[in-house]
Amino acid sequence: MVRTKEFDQDAVLLKGMRLFWEQGYEKTTMQELVSHMGVHKGSMYDTFGDKKSLYIKALKRYSERLEQSYKLRIAGLSTREAIRMLFERAIQPGEESPVGCFIVNTAVELAKHDSEVRDCVQQFWDYTEQLIFDLIIEGQQSGELSKTLNAEWLSQYFNNALIGLRVMVKTVTDRGKLSQIIEMNMSILK
């Protein structure tokens, strides 16, 4: 007789994601994951696979959540407001979130050595760059932004600046300094 799973897979996955986000892949043991996620080891393997498979699933879930958050937060905003929101979101994580960005942490820790992880990171960065590109084009079409701006270069620049800000937020506690960095980046759109 097949047993049904007695736990919410998404809730358990989010617990695993948080532990990986806080500690990193290498430092997190399977025993810590089992304990933190509150599932039996056998159920964990049956549901999520090995540690790496669980990590990839957690990384993809994080990307999905961030993309959904971006879509909700930029709806109805002007181009400038939407791009600013992306920067503001980077320096003001949610109350329940560890400091920094899980994707940036992954890029630093694993992307150089694991092509599957690198692809997941790159997919999210491509998504963000395309989102910014689309916002710039929309701003140019509405007359909010000058059509002389190179949308491709500008979207690459803003994506890079956003990644850098996500790294800085891990060590810089001076919100004023981080806000000044945002203002400097936003000044390019004037």
C-alpha atoms as a PDB file:
ATOM      1  CA  MET A   1       0.000   0.000   0.000  1.00  0.00           C
ATOM      2  CA  VAL A   2       1.368   3.406  -1.001  1.00  0.00           C
ATOM      3  CA  ARG A   3       1.538   5.978   1.791  1.00  0.00           C
ATOM      4  CA  THR A   4       0.389   9.479   1.028  1.00  0.00           C
ATOM      5  CA  LYS A   5       2.654  12.348   1.897  1.00  0.00           C
ATOM      6  CA  GLU A   6       1.656  13.906   5.174  1.00  0.00           C
ATOM      7  CA  PHE A   7       3.261  17.297   4.639  1.00  0.00           C
ATOM      8  CA  ASP A   8       2.885  20.368   2.477  1.00  0.00           C
ATOM      9  CA  GLN A   9       5.675  19.952  -0.085  1.00  0.00           C
ATOM     10  CA  ASP A  10       5.927  23.662  -0.872  1.00  0.00           C
ATOM     11  CA  ALA A  11       6.089  24.659   2.806  1.00  0.00           C
ATOM     12  CA  VAL A  12       8.779  22.048   3.437  1.00  0.00           C
ATOM     13  CA  LEU A  13      10.698  23.140   0.327  1.00  0.00           C
ATOM     14  CA  LEU A  14      10.615  26.751   1.564  1.00  0.00           C
ATOM     15  CA  LYS A  15      12.106  25.630   4.882  1.00  0.00           C
ATOM     16  CA  GLY A  16      14.924  23.905   3.030  1.00  0.00           C
ATOM     17  CA  MET A  17      15.408  26.962   0.830  1.00  0.00           C
ATOM     18  CA  ARG A  18      15.774  29.175   3.897  1.00  0.00           C
ATOM     19  CA  LEU A  19      18.383  26.910   5.467  1.00  0.00           C
ATOM     20  CA  PHE A  20      20.407  26.780   2.248  1.00  0.00           C
ATOM     21  CA  TRP A  21      20.033  30.566   1.908  1.00  0.00           C
ATOM     22  CA  GLU A  22      21.327  31.164   5.430  1.00  0.00           C
ATOM     23  CA  GLN A  23      24.151  28.617   5.436  1.00  0.00           C
ATOM     24  CA  GLY A  24      25.023  27.857   1.825  1.00  0.00           C
ATOM     25  CA  TYR A  25      25.095  24.531   0.069  1.00  0.00           C
ATOM     26  CA  GLU A  26      28.386  23.148   1.349  1.00  0.00           C
ATOM     27  CA  LYS A  27      27.801  23.994   5.001  1.00  0.00           C
ATOM     28  CA  THR A  28      24.285  22.517   5.115  1.00  0.00           C
ATOM     29  CA  THR A  29      24.142  18.811   5.948  1.00  0.00           C
ATOM     30  CA  MET A  30      21.367  16.391   5.087  1.00  0.00           C
ATOM     31  CA  GLN A  31      20.758  15.845   8.808  1.00  0.00           C
ATOM     32  CA  GLU A  32      20.267  19.598   9.303  1.00  0.00           C
ATOM     33  CA  LEU A  33      17.859  19.658   6.362  1.00  0.00           C
ATOM     34  CA  VAL A  34      15.848  16.710   7.715  1.00  0.00           C
ATOM     35  CA  SER A  35      15.671  18.319  11.151  1.00  0.00           C
ATOM     36  CA  HIS A  36      14.906  21.841   9.893  1.00  0.00           C
ATOM     37  CA  MET A  37      12.352  20.729   7.322  1.00  0.00           C
ATOM     38  CA  GLY A  38      10.612  18.398   9.772  1.00  0.00           C
ATOM     39  CA  VAL A  39      10.372  15.373   7.482  1.00  0.00           C
ATOM     40  CA  HIS A  40      11.784  11.871   7.662  1.00  0.00           C
ATOM     41  CA  LYS A  41      14.924  11.248   5.674  1.00  0.00           C
ATOM     42  CA  GLY A  42      13.179   8.681   3.468  1.00  0.00           C
ATOM     43  CA  SER A  43      10.345  11.078   2.703  1.00  0.00           C
ATOM     44  CA  MET A  44      12.841  13.783   1.891  1.00  0.00           C
ATOM     45  CA  TYR A  45      14.674  11.593  -0.622  1.00  0.00           C
ATOM     46  CA  ASP A  46      11.398  10.270  -2.096  1.00  0.00           C
ATOM     47  CA  THR A  47       9.987  13.773  -2.525  1.00  0.00           C
ATOM     48  CA  PHE A  48      12.988  15.949  -3.338  1.00  0.00           C
ATOM     49  CA  GLY A  49      15.817  13.578  -4.262  1.00  0.00           C
ATOM     50  CA  ASP A  50      19.355  14.043  -3.010  1.00  0.00           C
ATOM     51  CA  LYS A  51      20.805  17.221  -1.504  1.00  0.00           C
ATOM     52  CA  LYS A  52      21.702  18.748  -4.851  1.00  0.00           C
ATOM     53  CA  SER A  53      18.263  18.037  -6.312  1.00  0.00           C
ATOM     54  CA  LEU A  54      16.671  19.657  -3.276  1.00  0.00           C
ATOM     55  CA  TYR A  55      18.973  22.661  -3.682  1.00  0.00           C
ATOM     56  CA  ILE A  56      18.081  23.078  -7.361  1.00  0.00           C
ATOM     57  CA  LYS A  57      14.370  22.835  -6.541  1.00  0.00           C
ATOM     58  CA  ALA A  58      14.792  25.414  -3.763  1.00  0.00           C
ATOM     59  CA  LEU A  59      16.712  27.738  -6.093  1.00  0.00           C
ATOM     60  CA  LYS A  60      14.051  27.456  -8.799  1.00  0.00           C
ATOM     61  CA  ARG A  61      11.290  28.068  -6.245  1.00  0.00           C
ATOM     62  CA  TYR A  62      13.134  31.159  -4.991  1.00  0.00           C
ATOM     63  CA  SER A  63      13.418  32.458  -8.566  1.00  0.00           C
ATOM     64  CA  GLU A  64       9.709  31.868  -9.164  1.00  0.00           C
ATOM     65  CA  ARG A  65       8.764  33.697  -5.971  1.00  0.00           C
ATOM     66  CA  LEU A  66      10.999  36.646  -6.809  1.00  0.00           C
ATOM     67  CA  GLU A  67       9.629  36.870 -10.357  1.00  0.00           C
ATOM     68  CA  GLN A  68       6.052  36.799  -9.007  1.00  0.00           C
ATOM     69  CA  SER A  69       6.944  39.486  -6.482  1.00  0.00           C
ATOM     70  CA  TYR A  70       8.448  41.686  -9.191  1.00  0.00           C
ATOM     71  CA  LYS A  71       5.362  41.353 -11.392  1.00  0.00           C
ATOM     72  CA  LEU A  72       3.030  42.278  -8.544  1.00  0.00           C
ATOM     73  CA  ARG A  73       5.140  45.189  -7.338  1.00  0.00           C
ATOM     74  CA  ILE A  74       5.722  46.839 -10.726  1.00  0.00           C
ATOM     75  CA  ALA A  75       2.136  46.574 -11.951  1.00  0.00           C
ATOM     76  CA  GLY A  76       0.884  50.075 -12.671  1.00  0.00           C
ATOM     77  CA  LEU A  77       4.215  51.792 -11.939  1.00  0.00           C
ATOM     78  CA  SER A  78       6.047  54.091 -14.315  1.00  0.00           C
ATOM     79  CA  THR A  79       9.368  52.868 -15.695  1.00  0.00           C
ATOM     80  CA  ARG A  80      11.404  54.906 -13.222  1.00  0.00           C
ATOM     81  CA  GLU A  81       9.239  53.798 -10.298  1.00  0.00           C
ATOM     82  CA  ALA A  82       9.466  50.142 -11.350  1.00  0.00           C
ATOM     83  CA  ILE A  83      13.266  50.181 -11.712  1.00  0.00           C
ATOM     84  CA  ARG A  84      13.596  51.989  -8.378  1.00  0.00           C
ATOM     85  CA  MET A  85      11.377  49.343  -6.793  1.00  0.00           C
ATOM     86  CA  LEU A  86      13.762  46.618  -8.006  1.00  0.00           C
ATOM     87  CA  PHE A  87      16.637  48.407  -6.280  1.00  0.00           C
ATOM     88  CA  GLU A  88      14.645  49.158  -3.128  1.00  0.00           C
ATOM     89  CA  ARG A  89      13.578  45.512  -2.903  1.00  0.00           C
ATOM     90  CA  ALA A  90      17.251  44.495  -2.953  1.00  0.00           C
ATOM     91  CA  ILE A  91      18.090  46.549   0.136  1.00  0.00           C
ATOM     92  CA  GLN A  92      14.876  45.845   2.056  1.00  0.00           C
ATOM     93  CA  PRO A  93      14.406  42.100   2.254  1.00  0.00           C
ATOM     94  CA  GLY A  94      11.238  40.704   3.761  1.00  0.00           C
ATOM     95  CA  GLU A  95      11.038  40.292   7.525  1.00  0.00           C
ATOM     96  CA  GLU A  96      11.292  36.521   7.237  1.00  0.00           C
ATOM     97  CA  SER A  97      14.124  36.528   4.702  1.00  0.00           C
ATOM     98  CA  PRO A  98      17.824  36.158   5.392  1.00  0.00           C
ATOM     99  CA  VAL A  99      19.992  39.111   4.392  1.00  0.00           C
ATOM    100  CA  GLY A 100      21.088  39.161   0.773  1.00  0.00           C
ATOM    101  CA  CYS A 101      19.970  37.177  -2.224  1.00  0.00           C
ATOM    102  CA  PHE A 102      19.870  33.393  -2.474  1.00  0.00           C
ATOM    103  CA  ILE A 103      20.725  33.561  -6.175  1.00  0.00           C
ATOM    104  CA  VAL A 104      23.757  35.788  -5.592  1.00  0.00           C
ATOM    105  CA  ASN A 105      24.902  33.476  -2.782  1.00  0.00           C
ATOM    106  CA  THR A 106      24.557  30.534  -5.159  1.00  0.00           C
ATOM    107  CA  ALA A 107      26.463  32.298  -7.927  1.00  0.00           C
ATOM    108  CA  VAL A 108      29.364  33.000  -5.589  1.00  0.00           C
ATOM    109  CA  GLU A 109      29.437  29.579  -3.954  1.00  0.00           C
ATOM    110  CA  LEU A 110      28.587  27.106  -6.716  1.00  0.00           C
ATOM    111  CA  ALA A 111      28.088  28.514 -10.206  1.00  0.00           C
ATOM    112  CA  LYS A 112      31.733  28.273 -11.219  1.00  0.00           C
ATOM    113  CA  HIS A 113      31.816  24.550 -10.434  1.00  0.00           C
ATOM    114  CA  ASP A 114      28.348  23.334 -11.422  1.00  0.00           C
ATOM    115  CA  SER A 115      26.807  23.946 -14.840  1.00  0.00           C
ATOM    116  CA  GLU A 116      23.252  23.113 -13.734  1.00  0.00           C
ATOM    117  CA  VAL A 117      23.460  25.672 -10.934  1.00  0.00           C
ATOM    118  CA  ARG A 118      25.105  28.187 -13.265  1.00  0.00           C
ATOM    119  CA  ASP A 119      22.228  27.749 -15.725  1.00  0.00           C
ATOM    120  CA  CYS A 120      19.642  28.398 -12.977  1.00  0.00           C
ATOM    121  CA  VAL A 121      21.462  31.564 -11.888  1.00  0.00           C
ATOM    122  CA  GLN A 122      21.843  32.749 -15.472  1.00  0.00           C
ATOM    123  CA  GLN A 123      18.175  32.138 -16.228  1.00  0.00           C
ATOM    124  CA  PHE A 124      17.139  34.408 -13.376  1.00  0.00           C
ATOM    125  CA  TRP A 125      19.632  37.106 -14.343  1.00  0.00           C
ATOM    126  CA  ASP A 126      18.418  36.897 -17.950  1.00  0.00           C
ATOM    127  CA  TYR A 127      14.843  37.235 -16.691  1.00  0.00           C
ATOM    128  CA  THR A 128      15.728  40.345 -14.673  1.00  0.00           C
ATOM    129  CA  GLU A 129      17.651  41.903 -17.555  1.00  0.00           C
ATOM    130  CA  GLN A 130      14.724  41.267 -19.928  1.00  0.00           C
ATOM    131  CA  LEU A 131      12.288  42.737 -17.407  1.00  0.00           C
ATOM    132  CA  ILE A 132      14.379  45.906 -17.170  1.00  0.00           C
ATOM    133  CA  PHE A 133      14.770  46.036 -20.961  1.00  0.00           C
ATOM    134  CA  ASP A 134      10.990  45.785 -21.388  1.00  0.00           C
ATOM    135  CA  LEU A 135      10.454  48.534 -18.809  1.00  0.00           C
ATOM    136  CA  ILE A 136      12.903  50.830 -20.616  1.00  0.00           C
ATOM    137  CA  ILE A 137      11.255  50.206 -23.996  1.00  0.00           C
ATOM    138  CA  GLU A 138       7.841  50.869 -22.429  1.00  0.00           C
ATOM    139  CA  GLY A 139       9.204  54.094 -20.915  1.00  0.00           C
ATOM    140  CA  GLN A 140      10.582  55.176 -24.278  1.00  0.00           C
ATOM    141  CA  GLN A 141       7.304  54.434 -26.031  1.00  0.00           C
ATOM    142  CA  SER A 142       5.311  56.388 -23.436  1.00  0.00           C
ATOM    143  CA  GLY A 143       7.700  59.360 -23.637  1.00  0.00           C
ATOM    144  CA  GLU A 144       8.883  58.959 -20.032  1.00  0.00           C
ATOM    145  CA  LEU A 145      12.412  58.102 -21.191  1.00  0.00           C
ATOM    146  CA  SER A 146      14.477  59.450 -24.042  1.00  0.00           C
ATOM    147  CA  LYS A 147      14.575  57.294 -27.145  1.00  0.00           C
ATOM    148  CA  THR A 148      18.297  58.058 -27.389  1.00  0.00           C
ATOM    149  CA  LEU A 149      18.968  55.723 -24.454  1.00  0.00           C
ATOM    150  CA  ASN A 150      20.320  52.343 -25.523  1.00  0.00           C
ATOM    151  CA  ALA A 151      17.801  49.984 -23.888  1.00  0.00           C
ATOM    152  CA  GLU A 152      20.004  46.904 -24.262  1.00  0.00           C
ATOM    153  CA  TRP A 153      23.069  48.482 -22.669  1.00  0.00           C
ATOM    154  CA  LEU A 154      21.014  50.167 -19.977  1.00  0.00           C
ATOM    155  CA  SER A 155      19.249  46.931 -19.012  1.00  0.00           C
ATOM    156  CA  GLN A 156      22.637  45.197 -18.761  1.00  0.00           C
ATOM    157  CA  TYR A 157      23.968  48.058 -16.645  1.00  0.00           C
ATOM    158  CA  PHE A 158      20.974  48.051 -14.266  1.00  0.00           C
ATOM    159  CA  ASN A 159      21.036  44.268 -13.919  1.00  0.00           C
ATOM    160  CA  ASN A 160      24.725  44.419 -13.033  1.00  0.00           C
ATOM    161  CA  ALA A 161      24.119  47.262 -10.556  1.00  0.00           C
ATOM    162  CA  LEU A 162      21.279  45.301  -8.989  1.00  0.00           C
ATOM    163  CA  ILE A 163      23.464  42.211  -8.538  1.00  0.00           C
ATOM    164  CA  GLY A 164      26.178  44.366  -6.984  1.00  0.00           C
ATOM    165  CA  LEU A 165      23.698  45.926  -4.586  1.00  0.00           C
ATOM    166  CA  ARG A 166      22.518  42.458  -3.548  1.00  0.00           C
ATOM    167  CA  VAL A 167      26.117  41.598  -2.674  1.00  0.00           C
ATOM    168  CA  MET A 168      26.686  44.836  -0.754  1.00  0.00           C
ATOM    169  CA  VAL A 169      23.568  44.438   1.373  1.00  0.00           C
ATOM    170  CA  LYS A 170      25.187  41.405   3.029  1.00  0.00           C
ATOM    171  CA  THR A 171      27.852  43.565   4.672  1.00  0.00           C
ATOM    172  CA  VAL A 172      26.776  47.214   4.471  1.00  0.00           C
ATOM    173  CA  THR A 173      24.377  48.129   7.257  1.00  0.00           C
ATOM    174  CA  ASP A 174      24.245  51.848   6.426  1.00  0.00           C
ATOM    175  CA  ARG A 175      20.901  52.165   4.614  1.00  0.00           C
ATOM    176  CA  GLY A 176      21.744  55.769   3.766  1.00  0.00           C
ATOM    177  CA  LYS A 177      24.768  54.634   1.777  1.00  0.00           C
ATOM    178  CA  LEU A 178      22.721  51.991  -0.036  1.00  0.00           C
ATOM    179  CA  SER A 179      20.043  54.572  -0.827  1.00  0.00           C
ATOM    180  CA  GLN A 180      22.704  56.910  -2.253  1.00  0.00           C
ATOM    181  CA  ILE A 181      23.860  54.108  -4.529  1.00  0.00           C
ATOM    182  CA  ILE A 182      20.280  53.661  -5.738  1.00  0.00           C
ATOM    183  CA  GLU A 183      19.992  57.420  -6.377  1.00  0.00           C
ATOM    184  CA  MET A 184      23.222  57.385  -8.394  1.00  0.00           C
ATOM    185  CA  ASN A 185      21.968  54.511 -10.523  1.00  0.00           C
ATOM    186  CA  MET A 186      18.603  56.154 -11.045  1.00  0.00           C
ATOM    187  CA  SER A 187      20.270  59.410 -12.130  1.00  0.00           C
ATOM    188  CA  ILE A 188      21.224  57.725 -15.413  1.00  0.00           C
ATOM    189  CA  LEU A 189      17.557  57.874 -16.438  1.00  0.00           C
ATOM    190  CA  LYS A 190      17.345  61.668 -16.142  1.00  0.00           C
END
